[in-house]
């Protein structure tokens, strides 16, 4: 049964260009995670909000430690991005 992980974050809209520049590195880091089935990202630049929706093959994989993303988390934190705790859901049909 797949699991869906949803993570929302906020940042200063004045830093939207910096966030956009890191998008590729973030996507690459996510795509290297074991068990990843799909990834969707969204951004509202004027509101300073972003969302990452990932679908994993198991709950264990969906519950990964953000440290597995490497330096990208630290870079986003240094920009003042406030990242919420992930919400994990069992997928239903």
N, C-alpha and C. Protein backbone atom coordinates (compact mmCIF):
# COMPACT_ATOMS: atom_id res chain seq x y z
N UNK A 1 0.85 -1.19 0.00
CA UNK A 1 0.00 0.00 0.00
C UNK A 1 0.89 1.25 0.00
N UNK A 2 0.72 2.16 -0.94
CA UNK A 2 1.52 3.39 -0.97
C UNK A 2 1.16 4.33 0.19
N UNK A 3 2.10 5.21 0.50
CA UNK A 3 1.91 6.24 1.52
C UNK A 3 2.24 7.60 0.94
N UNK A 4 1.45 8.58 1.32
CA UNK A 4 1.58 9.95 0.82
C UNK A 4 2.17 10.80 1.94
N UNK A 5 3.19 11.55 1.61
CA UNK A 5 3.84 12.47 2.57
C UNK A 5 3.62 13.89 2.07
N UNK A 6 3.08 14.74 2.93
CA UNK A 6 2.80 16.13 2.58
C UNK A 6 3.59 17.03 3.53
N UNK A 7 4.38 17.93 2.95
CA UNK A 7 5.16 18.88 3.75
C UNK A 7 4.91 20.27 3.19
N UNK A 8 4.52 21.17 4.08
CA UNK A 8 4.30 22.56 3.69
C UNK A 8 5.37 23.43 4.35
N UNK A 9 5.67 24.54 3.71
CA UNK A 9 6.67 25.45 4.25
C UNK A 9 6.31 26.89 3.87
N UNK A 10 6.82 27.82 4.66
CA UNK A 10 6.63 29.24 4.37
C UNK A 10 7.99 29.92 4.35
N UNK A 11 8.06 31.01 3.61
CA UNK A 11 9.30 31.79 3.51
C UNK A 11 8.94 33.24 3.18
N UNK A 12 9.89 34.11 3.32
CA UNK A 12 9.70 35.52 2.99
C UNK A 12 9.54 35.63 1.47
N UNK A 13 8.40 36.14 1.00
CA UNK A 13 8.19 36.24 -0.45
C UNK A 13 9.29 37.02 -1.17
N UNK A 14 9.99 37.88 -0.47
CA UNK A 14 11.09 38.63 -1.08
C UNK A 14 12.24 37.69 -1.47
N UNK A 15 12.25 36.48 -0.94
CA UNK A 15 13.31 35.51 -1.24
C UNK A 15 12.86 34.44 -2.25
N UNK A 16 11.76 34.71 -2.94
CA UNK A 16 11.20 33.73 -3.88
C UNK A 16 12.20 33.30 -4.94
N UNK A 17 13.01 34.21 -5.44
CA UNK A 17 13.99 33.84 -6.47
C UNK A 17 15.04 32.88 -5.92
N UNK A 18 15.45 33.08 -4.67
CA UNK A 18 16.41 32.16 -4.04
C UNK A 18 15.80 30.77 -3.89
N UNK A 19 14.54 30.72 -3.48
CA UNK A 19 13.85 29.44 -3.33
C UNK A 19 13.78 28.74 -4.69
N UNK A 20 13.44 29.49 -5.72
CA UNK A 20 13.35 28.93 -7.07
C UNK A 20 14.68 28.36 -7.52
N UNK A 21 15.78 29.03 -7.21
CA UNK A 21 17.11 28.55 -7.61
C UNK A 21 17.46 27.21 -6.95
N UNK A 22 16.94 26.96 -5.76
CA UNK A 22 17.23 25.71 -5.05
C UNK A 22 16.28 24.57 -5.42
N UNK A 23 15.27 24.88 -6.21
CA UNK A 23 14.26 23.88 -6.55
C UNK A 23 14.86 22.64 -7.21
N UNK A 24 15.79 22.82 -8.14
CA UNK A 24 16.40 21.68 -8.83
C UNK A 24 17.16 20.77 -7.88
N UNK A 25 17.91 21.37 -6.97
CA UNK A 25 18.67 20.57 -6.00
C UNK A 25 17.73 19.82 -5.06
N UNK A 26 16.64 20.47 -4.66
CA UNK A 26 15.66 19.80 -3.79
C UNK A 26 15.02 18.63 -4.52
N UNK A 27 14.60 18.85 -5.76
CA UNK A 27 13.98 17.78 -6.54
C UNK A 27 14.94 16.61 -6.72
N UNK A 28 16.20 16.89 -7.01
CA UNK A 28 17.20 15.82 -7.17
C UNK A 28 17.36 15.03 -5.89
N UNK A 29 17.40 15.72 -4.75
CA UNK A 29 17.56 15.04 -3.47
C UNK A 29 16.35 14.13 -3.18
N UNK A 30 15.16 14.61 -3.47
CA UNK A 30 13.95 13.81 -3.26
C UNK A 30 13.97 12.57 -4.16
N UNK A 31 14.36 12.76 -5.40
CA UNK A 31 14.33 11.66 -6.37
C UNK A 31 15.32 10.55 -6.04
N UNK A 32 16.29 10.82 -5.20
CA UNK A 32 17.27 9.80 -4.79
C UNK A 32 16.79 8.96 -3.61
N UNK A 33 15.67 9.32 -3.01
CA UNK A 33 15.19 8.60 -1.83
C UNK A 33 14.66 7.22 -2.21
N UNK A 34 14.96 6.22 -1.38
CA UNK A 34 14.45 4.87 -1.67
C UNK A 34 12.94 4.80 -1.56
N UNK A 35 12.32 4.06 -2.45
CA UNK A 35 10.90 3.83 -2.40
C UNK A 35 10.03 4.92 -2.99
N UNK A 36 10.64 5.98 -3.52
CA UNK A 36 9.85 7.08 -4.09
C UNK A 36 9.12 6.59 -5.33
N UNK A 37 7.82 6.85 -5.37
CA UNK A 37 7.01 6.51 -6.54
C UNK A 37 6.69 7.75 -7.37
N UNK A 38 6.35 8.86 -6.69
CA UNK A 38 6.02 10.11 -7.39
C UNK A 38 6.35 11.29 -6.49
N UNK A 39 6.60 12.44 -7.14
CA UNK A 39 6.86 13.69 -6.43
C UNK A 39 6.14 14.82 -7.15
N UNK A 40 5.46 15.64 -6.37
CA UNK A 40 4.82 16.85 -6.87
C UNK A 40 5.21 18.00 -5.97
N UNK A 41 5.56 19.12 -6.55
CA UNK A 41 5.88 20.30 -5.77
C UNK A 41 5.02 21.45 -6.25
N UNK A 42 4.71 22.35 -5.34
CA UNK A 42 3.94 23.53 -5.69
C UNK A 42 4.44 24.73 -4.93
N UNK A 43 4.26 25.90 -5.52
CA UNK A 43 4.73 27.12 -4.89
C UNK A 43 3.76 28.26 -5.15
N UNK A 44 3.59 29.11 -4.15
CA UNK A 44 2.85 30.35 -4.28
C UNK A 44 3.85 31.44 -3.92
N UNK A 45 4.52 31.97 -4.92
CA UNK A 45 5.61 32.93 -4.68
C UNK A 45 5.15 34.19 -3.97
N UNK A 46 3.99 34.71 -4.34
CA UNK A 46 3.53 35.97 -3.74
C UNK A 46 3.15 35.79 -2.27
N UNK A 47 2.74 34.60 -1.88
CA UNK A 47 2.38 34.33 -0.48
C UNK A 47 3.55 33.75 0.30
N UNK A 48 4.63 33.34 -0.39
CA UNK A 48 5.76 32.73 0.30
C UNK A 48 5.43 31.37 0.87
N UNK A 49 4.72 30.56 0.07
CA UNK A 49 4.33 29.22 0.52
C UNK A 49 4.75 28.18 -0.50
N UNK A 50 5.08 27.01 -0.01
CA UNK A 50 5.44 25.89 -0.88
C UNK A 50 4.92 24.59 -0.28
N UNK A 51 4.74 23.61 -1.13
CA UNK A 51 4.26 22.30 -0.69
C UNK A 51 5.00 21.22 -1.47
N UNK A 52 5.31 20.14 -0.80
CA UNK A 52 5.91 18.97 -1.44
C UNK A 52 5.04 17.77 -1.11
N UNK A 53 4.58 17.10 -2.16
CA UNK A 53 3.76 15.91 -2.00
C UNK A 53 4.53 14.75 -2.63
N UNK A 54 4.85 13.77 -1.82
CA UNK A 54 5.59 12.61 -2.31
C UNK A 54 4.80 11.36 -2.01
N UNK A 55 4.95 10.39 -2.88
CA UNK A 55 4.28 9.10 -2.70
C UNK A 55 5.36 8.03 -2.65
N UNK A 56 5.32 7.24 -1.58
CA UNK A 56 6.32 6.20 -1.35
C UNK A 56 5.66 4.83 -1.31
N UNK A 57 6.47 3.82 -1.50
CA UNK A 57 5.96 2.45 -1.53
C UNK A 57 5.61 1.90 -0.15
N UNK A 58 6.25 2.41 0.91
CA UNK A 58 5.97 1.92 2.27
C UNK A 58 5.92 3.09 3.25
N UNK A 59 5.32 2.84 4.41
CA UNK A 59 5.28 3.87 5.45
C UNK A 59 6.69 4.19 5.95
N UNK A 60 7.52 3.17 6.03
CA UNK A 60 8.90 3.38 6.46
C UNK A 60 9.62 4.36 5.54
N UNK A 61 9.49 4.16 4.24
CA UNK A 61 10.14 5.07 3.29
C UNK A 61 9.54 6.48 3.36
N UNK A 62 8.22 6.57 3.55
CA UNK A 62 7.56 7.88 3.65
C UNK A 62 7.98 8.63 4.91
N UNK A 63 8.44 7.90 5.91
CA UNK A 63 8.81 8.50 7.20
C UNK A 63 10.30 8.81 7.28
N UNK A 64 10.94 9.04 6.14
CA UNK A 64 12.39 9.27 6.12
C UNK A 64 12.79 10.48 6.95
N UNK A 65 14.00 10.44 7.46
CA UNK A 65 14.60 11.55 8.20
C UNK A 65 15.03 12.62 7.20
N UNK A 66 14.61 13.88 7.38
CA UNK A 66 14.99 14.94 6.45
C UNK A 66 16.50 15.09 6.25
N UNK A 67 17.29 14.59 7.20
CA UNK A 67 18.74 14.64 7.05
C UNK A 67 19.18 13.90 5.78
N UNK A 68 18.36 12.96 5.32
CA UNK A 68 18.69 12.19 4.11
C UNK A 68 18.72 13.06 2.86
N UNK A 69 18.17 14.27 2.96
CA UNK A 69 18.16 15.18 1.81
C UNK A 69 19.49 15.92 1.66
N UNK A 70 20.36 15.79 2.62
CA UNK A 70 21.67 16.42 2.53
C UNK A 70 21.64 17.91 2.83
N UNK A 71 22.51 18.66 2.15
CA UNK A 71 22.70 20.09 2.41
C UNK A 71 21.49 20.95 2.06
N UNK A 72 20.61 20.47 1.21
CA UNK A 72 19.51 21.32 0.75
C UNK A 72 18.63 21.79 1.91
N UNK A 73 18.40 20.95 2.89
CA UNK A 73 17.61 21.36 4.05
C UNK A 73 18.26 22.50 4.81
N UNK A 74 19.56 22.41 4.99
CA UNK A 74 20.29 23.48 5.69
C UNK A 74 20.25 24.77 4.89
N UNK A 75 20.36 24.66 3.57
CA UNK A 75 20.31 25.85 2.72
C UNK A 75 18.95 26.54 2.81
N UNK A 76 17.89 25.75 2.79
CA UNK A 76 16.55 26.33 2.91
C UNK A 76 16.35 26.95 4.29
N UNK A 77 16.84 26.29 5.33
CA UNK A 77 16.74 26.82 6.68
C UNK A 77 17.51 28.12 6.83
N UNK A 78 18.67 28.21 6.19
CA UNK A 78 19.47 29.43 6.26
C UNK A 78 18.76 30.61 5.60
N UNK A 79 17.86 30.32 4.68
CA UNK A 79 17.07 31.37 4.03
C UNK A 79 15.88 31.79 4.87
N UNK A 80 15.69 31.13 6.00
CA UNK A 80 14.58 31.45 6.87
C UNK A 80 13.31 30.69 6.57
N UNK A 81 13.40 29.65 5.74
CA UNK A 81 12.21 28.86 5.43
C UNK A 81 11.77 28.10 6.68
N UNK A 82 10.49 28.18 6.98
CA UNK A 82 9.90 27.47 8.11
C UNK A 82 9.20 26.23 7.56
N UNK A 83 9.76 25.06 7.84
CA UNK A 83 9.24 23.81 7.29
C UNK A 83 8.43 23.09 8.35
N UNK A 84 7.19 22.79 8.02
CA UNK A 84 6.30 22.10 8.95
C UNK A 84 6.66 20.62 9.03
N UNK A 85 6.24 19.98 10.09
CA UNK A 85 6.43 18.53 10.23
C UNK A 85 5.61 17.84 9.14
N UNK A 86 6.12 16.74 8.62
CA UNK A 86 5.38 16.05 7.56
C UNK A 86 4.11 15.39 8.08
N UNK A 87 3.10 15.36 7.21
CA UNK A 87 1.89 14.59 7.46
C UNK A 87 1.95 13.37 6.54
N UNK A 88 1.74 12.20 7.07
CA UNK A 88 1.84 10.98 6.28
C UNK A 88 0.50 10.26 6.31
N UNK A 89 0.05 9.88 5.11
CA UNK A 89 -1.26 9.26 4.94
C UNK A 89 -1.13 7.96 4.18
N UNK A 90 -1.92 6.98 4.55
CA UNK A 90 -2.03 5.76 3.77
C UNK A 90 -2.91 6.08 2.56
N UNK A 91 -2.46 5.72 1.38
CA UNK A 91 -3.24 5.98 0.17
C UNK A 91 -4.44 5.04 0.13
N UNK A 92 -5.58 5.58 -0.30
CA UNK A 92 -6.78 4.77 -0.46
C UNK A 92 -7.30 4.95 -1.88
N UNK A 93 -8.01 3.97 -2.33
CA UNK A 93 -8.56 4.03 -3.69
C UNK A 93 -10.05 4.22 -3.65
